[in-house]
Amino acid sequence: MVRAPNPAGRHLASGFRWPGDRRRALIGWTQEQLGQVLGVSRQAINALETEKHAPSLDLAYRIAVTFGRPVEEIFENPHG
C-alpha cells in the first residue's frame, strides 16, 4: 500500500477534535496519570496531545471510553 506524502506543516494526528490536555484538565489528571489509565507512557500522551502521533484504533477506543465520549466525537474521520 502506498501512502500519500504528509503535506508540510500537517501533523499526523490532525484529526484530533478535542486536545487531550483540555480533557485531562477537566478531570485533573497529569499526562502520567492518563498514560497509566490507558496503558501507555507519558511520552505517548504528549505525542498525541501535540499531534505528533496518531493513536492506534485500539488506543482511540480506550481514550473514548476513558473520557466517556464516542470515538467519533474525539477523532475526526480523515477519510470523509
C-alpha atoms as a PDB file:
ATOM      1  CA  MET A   1       0.000   0.000   0.000  1.00  0.00           C
ATOM      2  CA  VAL A   2       1.382   3.408  -0.960  1.00  0.00           C
ATOM      3  CA  ARG A   3       0.614   6.342   1.299  1.00  0.00           C
ATOM      4  CA  ALA A   4       0.261   9.898   0.113  1.00  0.00           C
ATOM      5  CA  PRO A   5       3.027  12.144   1.422  1.00  0.00           C
ATOM      6  CA  ASN A   6       2.275  14.165   4.519  1.00  0.00           C
ATOM      7  CA  PRO A   7       1.936  17.810   3.353  1.00  0.00           C
ATOM      8  CA  ALA A   8       4.380  20.184   5.014  1.00  0.00           C
ATOM      9  CA  GLY A   9       3.028  21.562   8.246  1.00  0.00           C
ATOM     10  CA  ARG A  10       0.327  18.901   8.673  1.00  0.00           C
ATOM     11  CA  HIS A  11       0.518  16.776  11.767  1.00  0.00           C
ATOM     12  CA  LEU A  12      -0.041  13.041  11.659  1.00  0.00           C
ATOM     13  CA  ALA A  13      -2.932  13.208  14.115  1.00  0.00           C
ATOM     14  CA  SER A  14      -4.634  16.294  12.726  1.00  0.00           C
ATOM     15  CA  GLY A  15      -7.956  14.528  13.286  1.00  0.00           C
ATOM     16  CA  PHE A  16      -7.946  15.394  16.997  1.00  0.00           C
ATOM     17  CA  ARG A  17     -11.132  17.328  17.593  1.00  0.00           C
ATOM     18  CA  TRP A  18     -10.571  17.963  21.329  1.00  0.00           C
ATOM     19  CA  PRO A  19      -6.993  18.352  22.517  1.00  0.00           C
ATOM     20  CA  GLY A  20      -6.277  15.773  25.179  1.00  0.00           C
ATOM     21  CA  ASP A  21      -4.723  18.328  27.505  1.00  0.00           C
ATOM     22  CA  ARG A  22      -8.092  20.124  27.827  1.00  0.00           C
ATOM     23  CA  ARG A  23      -9.791  16.805  28.514  1.00  0.00           C
ATOM     24  CA  ARG A  24      -7.176  15.927  31.113  1.00  0.00           C
ATOM     25  CA  ALA A  25      -7.581  19.331  32.775  1.00  0.00           C
ATOM     26  CA  LEU A  26     -11.311  18.745  33.164  1.00  0.00           C
ATOM     27  CA  ILE A  27     -10.654  15.633  35.223  1.00  0.00           C
ATOM     28  CA  GLY A  28      -7.443  16.923  36.833  1.00  0.00           C
ATOM     29  CA  TRP A  29      -5.069  14.236  35.548  1.00  0.00           C
ATOM     30  CA  THR A  30      -1.435  14.570  34.562  1.00  0.00           C
ATOM     31  CA  GLN A  31      -0.074  13.021  31.377  1.00  0.00           C
ATOM     32  CA  GLU A  32       1.467  10.330  33.583  1.00  0.00           C
ATOM     33  CA  GLN A  33      -1.886   9.502  35.210  1.00  0.00           C
ATOM     34  CA  LEU A  34      -3.740   9.357  31.899  1.00  0.00           C
ATOM     35  CA  GLY A  35      -0.966   7.195  30.467  1.00  0.00           C
ATOM     36  CA  GLN A  36      -1.306   4.775  33.371  1.00  0.00           C
ATOM     37  CA  VAL A  37      -5.068   4.513  32.887  1.00  0.00           C
ATOM     38  CA  LEU A  38      -4.619   3.906  29.143  1.00  0.00           C
ATOM     39  CA  GLY A  39      -1.604   1.623  29.500  1.00  0.00           C
ATOM     40  CA  VAL A  40       0.808   3.892  27.615  1.00  0.00           C
ATOM     41  CA  SER A  41       3.717   6.132  28.596  1.00  0.00           C
ATOM     42  CA  ARG A  42       3.559   9.810  29.472  1.00  0.00           C
ATOM     43  CA  GLN A  43       5.595  10.417  26.323  1.00  0.00           C
ATOM     44  CA  ALA A  44       2.886   8.709  24.251  1.00  0.00           C
ATOM     45  CA  ILE A  45       0.238  11.007  25.750  1.00  0.00           C
ATOM     46  CA  ASN A  46       2.420  14.022  24.989  1.00  0.00           C
ATOM     47  CA  ALA A  47       2.866  12.883  21.374  1.00  0.00           C
ATOM     48  CA  LEU A  48      -0.912  12.528  20.993  1.00  0.00           C
ATOM     49  CA  GLU A  49      -1.643  15.911  22.567  1.00  0.00           C
ATOM     50  CA  THR A  50       0.909  17.704  20.415  1.00  0.00           C
ATOM     51  CA  GLU A  51      -0.386  15.874  17.313  1.00  0.00           C
ATOM     52  CA  LYS A  52       2.976  14.244  16.603  1.00  0.00           C
ATOM     53  CA  HIS A  53       1.459  10.768  16.686  1.00  0.00           C
ATOM     54  CA  ALA A  54      -1.886   9.308  15.648  1.00  0.00           C
ATOM     55  CA  PRO A  55      -3.338   6.729  18.044  1.00  0.00           C
ATOM     56  CA  SER A  56      -3.960   3.150  17.047  1.00  0.00           C
ATOM     57  CA  LEU A  57      -7.602   2.177  16.688  1.00  0.00           C
ATOM     58  CA  ASP A  58      -7.394   0.302  19.982  1.00  0.00           C
ATOM     59  CA  LEU A  59      -5.945   3.321  21.795  1.00  0.00           C
ATOM     60  CA  ALA A  60      -8.515   5.653  20.207  1.00  0.00           C
ATOM     61  CA  TYR A  61     -11.304   3.489  21.621  1.00  0.00           C
ATOM     62  CA  ARG A  62      -9.632   3.330  25.053  1.00  0.00           C
ATOM     63  CA  ILE A  63      -9.363   7.137  25.051  1.00  0.00           C
ATOM     64  CA  ALA A  64     -13.038   7.465  24.106  1.00  0.00           C
ATOM     65  CA  VAL A  65     -14.131   5.102  26.879  1.00  0.00           C
ATOM     66  CA  THR A  66     -11.921   6.882  29.425  1.00  0.00           C
ATOM     67  CA  PHE A  67     -13.479  10.252  28.585  1.00  0.00           C
ATOM     68  CA  GLY A  68     -16.980   8.801  28.285  1.00  0.00           C
ATOM     69  CA  ARG A  69     -17.477  10.047  24.718  1.00  0.00           C
ATOM     70  CA  PRO A  70     -17.985   8.240  21.420  1.00  0.00           C
ATOM     71  CA  VAL A  71     -14.752   7.909  19.459  1.00  0.00           C
ATOM     72  CA  GLU A  72     -16.356   9.894  16.620  1.00  0.00           C
ATOM     73  CA  GLU A  73     -16.658  12.927  18.928  1.00  0.00           C
ATOM     74  CA  ILE A  74     -12.970  12.853  19.825  1.00  0.00           C
ATOM     75  CA  PHE A  75     -11.420  11.956  16.479  1.00  0.00           C
ATOM     76  CA  GLU A  76     -12.431  13.120  13.025  1.00  0.00           C
ATOM     77  CA  ASN A  77     -12.556  10.593  10.192  1.00  0.00           C
ATOM     78  CA  PRO A  78      -9.639  11.586   7.929  1.00  0.00           C
ATOM     79  CA  HIS A  79     -11.315   9.755   5.029  1.00  0.00           C
ATOM     80  CA  GLY A  80     -14.558  11.642   4.921  1.00  0.00           C
END
